[in-house]
Amino acid sequence: MLRISLSQWQAFVATEEQGNFRKAAEDLNKTQSAIAHSVRKMEDTLGHQLFSIHEREARITRVGKLLLPHARTVLEDARKAESLCNLTCMECEEGQGKLAIAVTTAFPTNVLLGIMEDVSQLYPDLSFEFHDIEGKAAEDLLSKGHVRIAIDVGSARMEAVETLGPVPFLYVAAPQHKLVGRSRIRPQDLMWHRQIIVRDFAHQEHALSNSRQWNTTHFWRAKELLLEGDGYAWLPLHLVQEDIAARKLCKLDVAGGGTSSVDLVLGYRECEETCEVVLTFVSILRDAVAEFSCLNDAPPVQRKTGT
């Protein structure tokens, strides 16, 4: 019979991560006395002190440090078990329910639309929930079980990751911008002009450090700012292709990096490998991205939507 409950393991880990009982209680949405009681009950059961209290700080002891990795494993295994149960329920319902997906805003919308349509033909009763992400959001959403699939950029840290393919990026600005028409623009020359930056986007070597930056959270918002004539930005080719063809935006000739590619990656938890719906979505996703990679120099694909 187990002597330590799951809630006690949670209280122990939260106290170590947060540094005191009050913050651990806030993290777990419990009272401070409940957290303190759980930890002290663990100590009584195990016969060892897990934390030494100094004023309001809880400092983990040597025994606590030995237990900590095992405690985290217990909690992670419990989360995986719950996720596996949810997957089984979805498969039993034959594609009914909701499929939550985290998608970088660098991913082509028209490709995503095509994937959704193809999956919906196989699972007409399946609902989709999308989270627009940048930076470390994919890892957080996956680990906490808020999404089941994540499509992010190459530096993302996720449990199971595979490379999907490249997305071309380039520097662009409105036609009236002072940089348009100049040849072989030096990176240091860019620093004298306002740059629109997608905050938390992983490839920040293209975010030149200066005081004239405007930060946003989505590539679409960055493009809208450019169309109003404000600054320059490093954006996905598929997002600005039509605007370049219509002369609403112009490519900047930047020396040593005007155009480059960013790899898209697919992430999901290992427990998802038993889910037919997830595996189907992933298979269709791979095919769609492979097709897009072959056509990324062509005009955007126009897809018919259902009525």
Protein backbone atom coordinates (compact mmCIF):
# COMPACT_ATOMS: atom_id res chain seq x y z
CA MET A 1 0.00 0.00 0.00
CA LEU A 2 1.33 3.45 -0.96
CA ARG A 3 1.92 5.71 2.02
CA ILE A 4 2.37 8.99 0.10
CA SER A 5 -0.60 10.39 -1.82
CA LEU A 6 -0.39 12.11 -5.20
CA SER A 7 -1.46 15.42 -3.65
CA GLN A 8 1.41 15.16 -1.17
CA TRP A 9 3.90 14.61 -3.99
CA GLN A 10 2.43 17.67 -5.72
CA ALA A 11 2.81 19.77 -2.58
CA PHE A 12 6.41 18.60 -2.15
CA VAL A 13 7.42 19.44 -5.74
CA ALA A 14 5.56 22.76 -5.77
CA THR A 15 7.22 23.84 -2.51
CA GLU A 16 10.67 23.09 -3.90
CA GLU A 17 9.94 24.90 -7.19
CA GLN A 18 8.28 27.94 -5.60
CA GLY A 19 10.55 28.27 -2.56
CA ASN A 20 7.87 28.53 0.15
CA PHE A 21 4.45 27.23 1.16
CA ARG A 22 2.57 30.40 0.20
CA LYS A 23 3.71 30.43 -3.42
CA ALA A 24 3.25 26.66 -3.69
CA ALA A 25 -0.33 27.10 -2.46
CA GLU A 26 -0.97 29.76 -5.10
CA ASP A 27 0.49 27.49 -7.80
CA LEU A 28 -1.75 24.57 -6.81
CA ASN A 29 -4.79 26.73 -5.97
CA LYS A 30 -4.83 25.50 -2.37
CA THR A 31 -4.43 27.09 1.04
CA GLN A 32 -1.02 27.61 2.57
CA SER A 33 -1.95 25.49 5.59
CA ALA A 34 -2.99 22.60 3.31
CA ILE A 35 0.41 22.62 1.58
CA ALA A 36 2.30 22.83 4.87
CA HIS A 37 0.21 19.99 6.31
CA SER A 38 0.86 17.77 3.25
CA VAL A 39 4.62 18.30 3.46
CA ARG A 40 4.75 17.72 7.23
CA LYS A 41 2.65 14.56 6.87
CA MET A 42 5.13 13.29 4.25
CA GLU A 43 7.99 14.01 6.64
CA ASP A 44 6.24 12.15 9.46
CA THR A 45 5.49 9.18 7.20
CA LEU A 46 9.03 8.97 5.78
CA GLY A 47 10.80 9.81 9.02
CA HIS A 48 12.97 12.48 7.38
CA GLN A 49 12.86 16.25 7.16
CA LEU A 50 12.33 17.39 3.54
CA PHE A 51 12.63 21.15 4.05
CA SER A 52 14.30 23.40 6.56
CA ILE A 53 12.37 26.62 7.15
CA HIS A 54 14.34 29.88 7.36
CA GLU A 55 11.98 32.81 7.98
CA ARG A 56 9.54 32.38 5.03
CA GLU A 57 11.87 30.34 2.83
CA ALA A 58 11.64 26.55 2.48
CA ARG A 59 15.08 25.10 1.74
CA ILE A 60 15.13 21.52 0.51
CA THR A 61 17.24 19.10 2.53
CA ARG A 62 19.65 16.43 1.29
CA VAL A 63 16.96 13.75 1.60
CA GLY A 64 14.52 16.03 -0.23
CA LYS A 65 16.97 16.44 -3.09
CA LEU A 66 17.25 12.66 -3.39
CA LEU A 67 13.46 12.32 -3.56
CA LEU A 68 12.84 15.22 -5.96
CA PRO A 69 13.53 13.52 -9.35
CA HIS A 70 11.44 10.51 -8.32
CA ALA A 71 8.61 12.81 -7.23
CA ARG A 72 8.62 14.55 -10.60
CA THR A 73 8.55 11.17 -12.35
CA VAL A 74 5.52 10.12 -10.28
CA LEU A 75 3.63 13.28 -11.29
CA GLU A 76 4.61 13.01 -14.95
CA ASP A 77 3.53 9.37 -15.10
CA ALA A 78 0.19 10.34 -13.56
CA ARG A 79 -0.29 13.05 -16.20
CA LYS A 80 0.54 10.60 -18.99
CA ALA A 81 -1.92 8.06 -17.59
CA GLU A 82 -4.70 10.67 -17.60
CA SER A 83 -3.83 11.71 -21.16
CA LEU A 84 -3.88 8.11 -22.33
CA CYS A 85 -7.36 7.71 -20.88
CA ASN A 86 -8.54 10.78 -22.76
CA LEU A 87 -7.09 9.42 -25.99
CA THR A 88 -8.92 6.14 -25.56
CA CYS A 89 -12.18 8.03 -25.06
CA MET A 90 -11.63 9.96 -28.28
CA GLU A 91 -10.91 6.80 -30.28
CA CYS A 92 -14.00 5.12 -28.86
CA GLU A 93 -16.06 8.05 -30.07
CA GLU A 94 -14.68 7.48 -33.58
CA GLY A 95 -13.31 10.95 -34.10
CA GLN A 96 -15.85 12.89 -32.10
CA GLY A 97 -14.59 15.47 -29.65
CA LYS A 98 -11.90 18.15 -29.90
CA LEU A 99 -8.35 18.10 -31.25
CA ALA A 100 -6.29 20.95 -29.74
CA ILE A 101 -3.26 22.05 -31.76
CA ALA A 102 -0.58 24.68 -31.17
CA VAL A 103 0.58 26.31 -34.41
CA THR A 104 3.31 28.87 -34.97
CA THR A 105 2.06 31.94 -36.79
CA ALA A 106 4.85 31.29 -39.29
CA PHE A 107 2.91 28.26 -40.57
CA PRO A 108 1.07 28.93 -43.87
CA THR A 109 -2.62 29.46 -43.21
CA ASN A 110 -3.68 28.05 -46.57
CA VAL A 111 -1.76 24.82 -45.85
CA LEU A 112 -3.38 24.56 -42.42
CA LEU A 113 -6.79 25.06 -43.97
CA GLY A 114 -6.18 22.24 -46.43
CA ILE A 115 -5.09 19.88 -43.65
CA MET A 116 -8.22 20.66 -41.64
CA GLU A 117 -10.44 20.01 -44.64
CA ASP A 118 -8.78 16.66 -45.38
CA VAL A 119 -9.00 15.53 -41.75
CA SER A 120 -12.61 16.72 -41.51
CA GLN A 121 -13.56 14.55 -44.47
CA LEU A 122 -12.38 11.51 -42.48
CA TYR A 123 -13.76 12.70 -39.13
CA PRO A 124 -16.77 14.97 -39.84
CA ASP A 125 -17.68 15.29 -36.16
CA LEU A 126 -14.18 16.30 -35.02
CA SER A 127 -13.74 19.85 -33.70
CA PHE A 128 -10.45 21.78 -33.88
CA GLU A 129 -8.99 24.21 -31.35
CA PHE A 130 -5.96 26.26 -32.42
CA HIS A 131 -3.45 28.12 -30.28
CA ASP A 132 -1.28 30.67 -32.11
CA ILE A 133 2.19 30.40 -30.61
CA GLU A 134 5.77 31.63 -30.67
CA GLY A 135 8.81 30.97 -28.49
CA LYS A 136 8.51 28.34 -25.74
CA ALA A 137 4.72 28.23 -25.75
CA ALA A 138 4.59 24.92 -27.64
CA GLU A 139 6.62 23.11 -24.99
CA ASP A 140 4.48 24.53 -22.19
CA LEU A 141 1.15 23.73 -23.88
CA LEU A 142 2.21 20.16 -24.67
CA SER A 143 3.66 19.41 -21.24
CA LYS A 144 0.53 20.70 -19.49
CA GLY A 145 -1.78 18.75 -21.81
CA HIS A 146 -3.52 21.83 -23.23
CA VAL A 147 -2.71 20.70 -26.80
CA ARG A 148 -1.96 17.33 -28.36
CA ILE A 149 0.04 18.44 -31.40
CA ALA A 150 2.39 21.38 -31.86
CA ILE A 151 3.79 22.85 -35.07
CA ASP A 152 6.64 25.21 -34.25
CA VAL A 153 10.01 26.43 -35.51
CA GLY A 154 13.28 24.54 -35.36
CA SER A 155 14.53 25.52 -31.92
CA ALA A 156 11.39 24.44 -30.08
CA ARG A 157 11.90 21.97 -27.20
CA MET A 158 9.30 19.22 -27.26
CA GLU A 159 9.11 15.60 -26.15
CA ALA A 160 8.90 14.00 -29.60
CA VAL A 161 10.07 16.16 -32.47
CA GLU A 162 10.56 15.67 -36.19
CA THR A 163 11.54 18.19 -38.84
CA LEU A 164 8.79 18.93 -41.35
CA GLY A 165 10.51 21.24 -43.82
CA PRO A 166 11.69 24.81 -44.43
CA VAL A 167 9.73 28.05 -44.59
CA PRO A 168 11.51 30.84 -46.54
CA PHE A 169 11.87 34.22 -44.78
CA LEU A 170 12.98 37.61 -46.12
CA TYR A 171 13.31 41.26 -45.16
CA VAL A 172 10.48 43.44 -46.49
CA ALA A 173 9.23 47.02 -46.23
CA ALA A 174 6.60 49.27 -47.82
CA PRO A 175 7.51 50.78 -51.24
CA GLN A 176 7.95 54.27 -49.79
CA HIS A 177 10.49 53.11 -47.19
CA LYS A 178 13.96 54.68 -47.49
CA LEU A 179 15.64 51.26 -47.71
CA VAL A 180 13.65 50.13 -50.76
CA GLY A 181 15.72 50.25 -53.94
CA ARG A 182 19.07 50.24 -52.18
CA SER A 183 21.44 47.39 -53.12
CA ARG A 184 23.43 45.26 -50.71
CA ILE A 185 22.14 46.90 -47.54
CA ARG A 186 24.52 46.27 -44.66
CA PRO A 187 23.03 44.85 -41.43
CA GLN A 188 24.45 47.79 -39.47
CA ASP A 189 22.53 50.17 -41.76
CA LEU A 190 19.28 48.50 -40.73
CA MET A 191 19.84 49.59 -37.14
CA TRP A 192 19.07 53.19 -38.08
CA HIS A 193 15.53 52.26 -39.10
CA ARG A 194 12.52 51.02 -37.17
CA GLN A 195 12.25 47.22 -37.06
CA ILE A 196 8.97 45.35 -36.50
CA ILE A 197 9.80 42.22 -34.48
CA VAL A 198 7.63 39.23 -33.67
CA ARG A 199 8.26 38.86 -29.95
CA ASP A 200 9.60 35.50 -28.69
CA PHE A 201 10.17 34.24 -32.24
CA ALA A 202 13.06 31.79 -31.90
CA HIS A 203 15.32 33.03 -34.72
CA GLN A 204 16.29 36.31 -33.11
CA GLU A 205 19.58 36.65 -34.97
CA HIS A 206 17.40 38.63 -37.37
CA ALA A 207 16.27 40.93 -34.55
CA LEU A 208 18.89 43.66 -34.65
CA SER A 209 19.38 45.32 -31.28
CA ASN A 210 18.37 48.97 -31.31
CA SER A 211 16.00 51.37 -29.58
CA ARG A 212 13.68 51.66 -32.59
CA GLN A 213 12.04 48.27 -32.31
CA TRP A 214 8.30 47.74 -32.32
CA ASN A 215 7.31 44.34 -30.89
CA THR A 216 4.21 42.31 -31.67
CA THR A 217 3.11 38.73 -31.05
CA HIS A 218 2.05 37.69 -34.57
CA PHE A 219 3.47 37.85 -38.08
CA TRP A 220 0.11 39.06 -39.39
CA ARG A 221 0.22 42.10 -37.13
CA ALA A 222 3.78 42.84 -38.22
CA LYS A 223 2.68 42.77 -41.86
CA GLU A 224 -0.22 45.12 -41.17
CA LEU A 225 2.19 47.61 -39.60
CA LEU A 226 4.44 47.38 -42.65
CA LEU A 227 1.53 47.98 -45.02
CA GLU A 228 0.93 51.25 -43.18
CA GLY A 229 4.52 52.22 -43.98
CA ASP A 230 6.06 51.70 -40.55
CA GLY A 231 9.52 50.13 -40.56
CA TYR A 232 10.83 46.86 -41.98
CA ALA A 233 10.51 43.24 -40.83
CA TRP A 234 11.78 39.70 -41.41
CA LEU A 235 8.68 37.72 -42.42
CA PRO A 236 7.67 34.38 -44.00
CA LEU A 237 7.64 34.52 -47.81
CA HIS A 238 4.17 32.93 -48.07
CA LEU A 239 2.73 35.70 -45.89
CA VAL A 240 3.98 38.57 -48.06
CA GLN A 241 4.14 36.94 -51.52
CA GLU A 242 0.90 38.44 -52.83
CA ASP A 243 1.76 41.85 -51.36
CA ILE A 244 5.15 41.81 -53.11
CA ALA A 245 3.50 40.87 -56.41
CA ALA A 246 1.04 43.75 -55.94
CA ARG A 247 3.87 46.16 -55.00
CA LYS A 248 2.32 46.75 -51.59
CA LEU A 249 5.57 45.47 -50.03
CA CYS A 250 9.10 45.19 -51.39
CA LYS A 251 11.94 42.79 -50.69
CA LEU A 252 15.03 44.42 -49.19
CA ASP A 253 18.42 43.51 -50.62
CA VAL A 254 20.24 42.83 -47.34
CA ALA A 255 23.84 41.67 -47.66
CA GLY A 256 24.50 38.23 -46.15
CA GLY A 257 20.99 37.34 -45.02
CA GLY A 258 18.24 39.00 -46.97
CA THR A 259 16.59 35.62 -47.58
CA SER A 260 16.88 32.43 -45.52
CA SER A 261 14.76 29.54 -44.31
CA VAL A 262 13.45 28.41 -40.94
CA ASP A 263 12.68 24.74 -40.33
CA LEU A 264 9.23 23.80 -39.13
CA VAL A 265 9.07 21.03 -36.54
CA LEU A 266 6.26 18.77 -35.38
CA GLY A 267 5.94 17.92 -31.71
CA TYR A 268 3.63 15.62 -29.76
CA ARG A 269 3.75 13.52 -26.63
CA GLU A 270 4.76 9.87 -26.83
CA CYS A 271 1.37 8.72 -25.56
CA GLU A 272 -0.25 10.18 -28.69
CA GLU A 273 1.29 7.41 -30.80
CA THR A 274 -1.68 5.18 -29.90
CA CYS A 275 -4.31 7.64 -31.15
CA GLU A 276 -5.67 7.06 -34.63
CA VAL A 277 -6.94 10.65 -34.99
CA VAL A 278 -3.58 12.19 -34.08
CA LEU A 279 -1.65 9.82 -36.35
CA THR A 280 -4.01 10.61 -39.24
CA PHE A 281 -3.60 14.36 -38.73
CA VAL A 282 0.19 13.97 -38.58
CA SER A 283 0.27 11.91 -41.78
CA ILE A 284 -1.81 14.46 -43.69
CA LEU A 285 0.33 17.26 -42.21
CA ARG A 286 3.55 15.67 -43.47
CA ASP A 287 2.18 15.32 -47.01
CA ALA A 288 0.84 18.90 -47.03
CA VAL A 289 4.12 20.41 -45.84
CA ALA A 290 6.10 18.36 -48.38
CA GLU A 291 3.86 19.72 -51.13
CA PHE A 292 4.20 23.26 -49.82
CA SER A 293 8.00 22.97 -49.70
CA CYS A 294 7.99 22.09 -53.41
CA LEU A 295 5.69 25.00 -54.26
CA ASN A 296 6.93 27.74 -51.94
CA ASP A 297 8.20 29.79 -54.88
CA ALA A 298 4.79 29.63 -56.56
CA PRO A 299 1.74 31.80 -55.82
CA PRO A 300 -0.30 30.71 -52.78
CA VAL A 301 -2.58 27.74 -53.37
CA GLN A 302 -6.26 28.69 -53.60
CA ARG A 303 -8.47 26.07 -51.96
CA LYS A 304 -12.21 25.77 -52.23
CA THR A 305 -14.05 25.82 -48.95
CA GLY A 306 -17.16 23.79 -48.26
CA THR A 307 -20.57 25.43 -48.20
